Amino acid sequence: MTVDALKDQLVTLLIDKLEVKGEVTPEIPFTELELDSLVLLEFSVLLEQRYSVEIPEEDLLGAGDIAGVASLVLARQDSATTRA
């Protein structure tokens, strides 16, 4: 999967599954989207279910935006594949 495809999927998750309102793009910081801890927790669970990676809420905040989360997902998937 490409980074751009993953970014698009993550934006769709935020809009469709977590009902985040307003303009959502991969580069808009989570702070501007006003995501609370419950939404980030739900996002973390969705990431684990869909992409088989664990990304705690703190790491999501640290990633800062969808682009950062996409990088984390791909890196952790790659790491898991390398270990297997």
C-alpha atoms as a PDB file:
ATOM      1  CA  MET A   1       0.000   0.000   0.000  1.00  0.00           C
ATOM      2  CA  THR A   2       1.279   3.456  -0.828  1.00  0.00           C
ATOM      3  CA  VAL A   3       1.531   6.235   1.738  1.00  0.00           C
ATOM      4  CA  ASP A   4      -0.939   8.369  -0.225  1.00  0.00           C
ATOM      5  CA  ALA A   5      -3.518   5.550  -0.364  1.00  0.00           C
ATOM      6  CA  LEU A   6      -3.150   4.992   3.367  1.00  0.00           C
ATOM      7  CA  LYS A   7      -3.552   8.718   4.078  1.00  0.00           C
ATOM      8  CA  ASP A   8      -6.787   8.714   2.075  1.00  0.00           C
ATOM      9  CA  GLN A   9      -8.058   5.686   3.995  1.00  0.00           C
ATOM     10  CA  LEU A  10      -7.220   7.304   7.336  1.00  0.00           C
ATOM     11  CA  VAL A  11      -9.010  10.534   6.385  1.00  0.00           C
ATOM     12  CA  THR A  12     -12.048   8.454   5.411  1.00  0.00           C
ATOM     13  CA  LEU A  13     -11.915   6.634   8.764  1.00  0.00           C
ATOM     14  CA  LEU A  14     -11.931   9.909  10.672  1.00  0.00           C
ATOM     15  CA  ILE A  15     -14.832  11.300   8.660  1.00  0.00           C
ATOM     16  CA  ASP A  16     -17.012   8.211   8.212  1.00  0.00           C
ATOM     17  CA  LYS A  17     -16.367   6.113  11.321  1.00  0.00           C
ATOM     18  CA  LEU A  18     -15.443   8.743  13.898  1.00  0.00           C
ATOM     19  CA  GLU A  19     -17.622  11.519  12.465  1.00  0.00           C
ATOM     20  CA  VAL A  20     -14.941  14.207  12.590  1.00  0.00           C
ATOM     21  CA  LYS A  21     -16.440  17.402  11.200  1.00  0.00           C
ATOM     22  CA  GLY A  22     -14.903  20.129   9.091  1.00  0.00           C
ATOM     23  CA  GLU A  23     -12.121  19.944   6.556  1.00  0.00           C
ATOM     24  CA  VAL A  24      -9.982  16.868   7.146  1.00  0.00           C
ATOM     25  CA  THR A  25      -6.774  16.516   5.154  1.00  0.00           C
ATOM     26  CA  PRO A  26      -3.607  14.536   5.899  1.00  0.00           C
ATOM     27  CA  GLU A  27      -1.705  17.683   6.846  1.00  0.00           C
ATOM     28  CA  ILE A  28      -4.176  19.332   9.251  1.00  0.00           C
ATOM     29  CA  PRO A  29      -2.852  18.947  12.807  1.00  0.00           C
ATOM     30  CA  PHE A  30      -5.003  16.946  15.198  1.00  0.00           C
ATOM     31  CA  THR A  31      -5.099  19.994  17.474  1.00  0.00           C
ATOM     32  CA  GLU A  32      -6.937  21.951  14.767  1.00  0.00           C
ATOM     33  CA  LEU A  33      -9.416  19.100  14.343  1.00  0.00           C
ATOM     34  CA  GLU A  34     -10.068  19.299  18.094  1.00  0.00           C
ATOM     35  CA  LEU A  35      -9.872  15.533  18.559  1.00  0.00           C
ATOM     36  CA  ASP A  36     -10.492  14.552  22.149  1.00  0.00           C
ATOM     37  CA  SER A  37      -8.963  11.566  23.914  1.00  0.00           C
ATOM     38  CA  LEU A  38     -12.009   9.358  23.262  1.00  0.00           C
ATOM     39  CA  VAL A  39     -11.803   9.924  19.502  1.00  0.00           C
ATOM     40  CA  LEU A  40      -8.059   9.205  19.555  1.00  0.00           C
ATOM     41  CA  LEU A  41      -8.671   6.020  21.544  1.00  0.00           C
ATOM     42  CA  GLU A  42     -11.324   4.905  19.037  1.00  0.00           C
ATOM     43  CA  PHE A  43      -8.952   5.776  16.186  1.00  0.00           C
ATOM     44  CA  SER A  44      -6.246   3.657  17.830  1.00  0.00           C
ATOM     45  CA  VAL A  45      -8.641   0.693  18.054  1.00  0.00           C
ATOM     46  CA  LEU A  46      -9.651   1.077  14.401  1.00  0.00           C
ATOM     47  CA  LEU A  47      -6.003   1.154  13.345  1.00  0.00           C
ATOM     48  CA  GLU A  48      -5.339  -2.064  15.228  1.00  0.00           C
ATOM     49  CA  GLN A  49      -8.394  -3.764  13.714  1.00  0.00           C
ATOM     50  CA  ARG A  50      -7.764  -2.667  10.131  1.00  0.00           C
ATOM     51  CA  TYR A  51      -3.985  -2.586   9.896  1.00  0.00           C
ATOM     52  CA  SER A  52      -2.875  -4.984  12.671  1.00  0.00           C
ATOM     53  CA  VAL A  53      -0.698  -2.383  14.386  1.00  0.00           C
ATOM     54  CA  GLU A  54      -0.842  -1.031  17.907  1.00  0.00           C
ATOM     55  CA  ILE A  55      -0.494   2.732  18.082  1.00  0.00           C
ATOM     56  CA  PRO A  56      -1.317   4.133  21.510  1.00  0.00           C
ATOM     57  CA  GLU A  57      -3.144   7.425  21.873  1.00  0.00           C
ATOM     58  CA  GLU A  58       0.077   9.169  22.970  1.00  0.00           C
ATOM     59  CA  ASP A  59       1.828   8.090  19.768  1.00  0.00           C
ATOM     60  CA  LEU A  60      -1.108   9.348  17.701  1.00  0.00           C
ATOM     61  CA  LEU A  61      -0.800  12.737  19.386  1.00  0.00           C
ATOM     62  CA  GLY A  62       2.941  12.671  18.807  1.00  0.00           C
ATOM     63  CA  ALA A  63       2.423  11.925  15.113  1.00  0.00           C
ATOM     64  CA  GLY A  64       0.511  15.199  14.932  1.00  0.00           C
ATOM     65  CA  ASP A  65      -1.568  14.583  11.821  1.00  0.00           C
ATOM     66  CA  ILE A  66      -2.798  11.903   9.423  1.00  0.00           C
ATOM     67  CA  ALA A  67       0.419  12.005   7.409  1.00  0.00           C
ATOM     68  CA  GLY A  68       2.378  11.222  10.572  1.00  0.00           C
ATOM     69  CA  VAL A  69       0.002   8.417  11.528  1.00  0.00           C
ATOM     70  CA  ALA A  70       0.316   6.909   8.036  1.00  0.00           C
ATOM     71  CA  SER A  71       4.094   6.846   8.466  1.00  0.00           C
ATOM     72  CA  LEU A  72       3.723   5.157  11.867  1.00  0.00           C
ATOM     73  CA  VAL A  73       1.346   2.524  10.498  1.00  0.00           C
ATOM     74  CA  LEU A  74       3.637   1.639   7.601  1.00  0.00           C
ATOM     75  CA  ALA A  75       6.738   1.580   9.809  1.00  0.00           C
ATOM     76  CA  ARG A  76       5.085  -0.693  12.367  1.00  0.00           C
ATOM     77  CA  GLN A  77       3.697  -2.995   9.682  1.00  0.00           C
ATOM     78  CA  ASP A  78       7.158  -3.178   8.139  1.00  0.00           C
ATOM     79  CA  SER A  79       8.689  -3.872  11.547  1.00  0.00           C
ATOM     80  CA  ALA A  80       6.167  -6.645  12.222  1.00  0.00           C
ATOM     81  CA  THR A  81       6.879  -8.210   8.818  1.00  0.00           C
ATOM     82  CA  THR A  82      10.619  -8.076   9.426  1.00  0.00           C
ATOM     83  CA  ARG A  83      10.262  -9.880  12.765  1.00  0.00           C
ATOM     84  CA  ALA A  84       8.018 -12.623  11.371  1.00  0.00           C
END
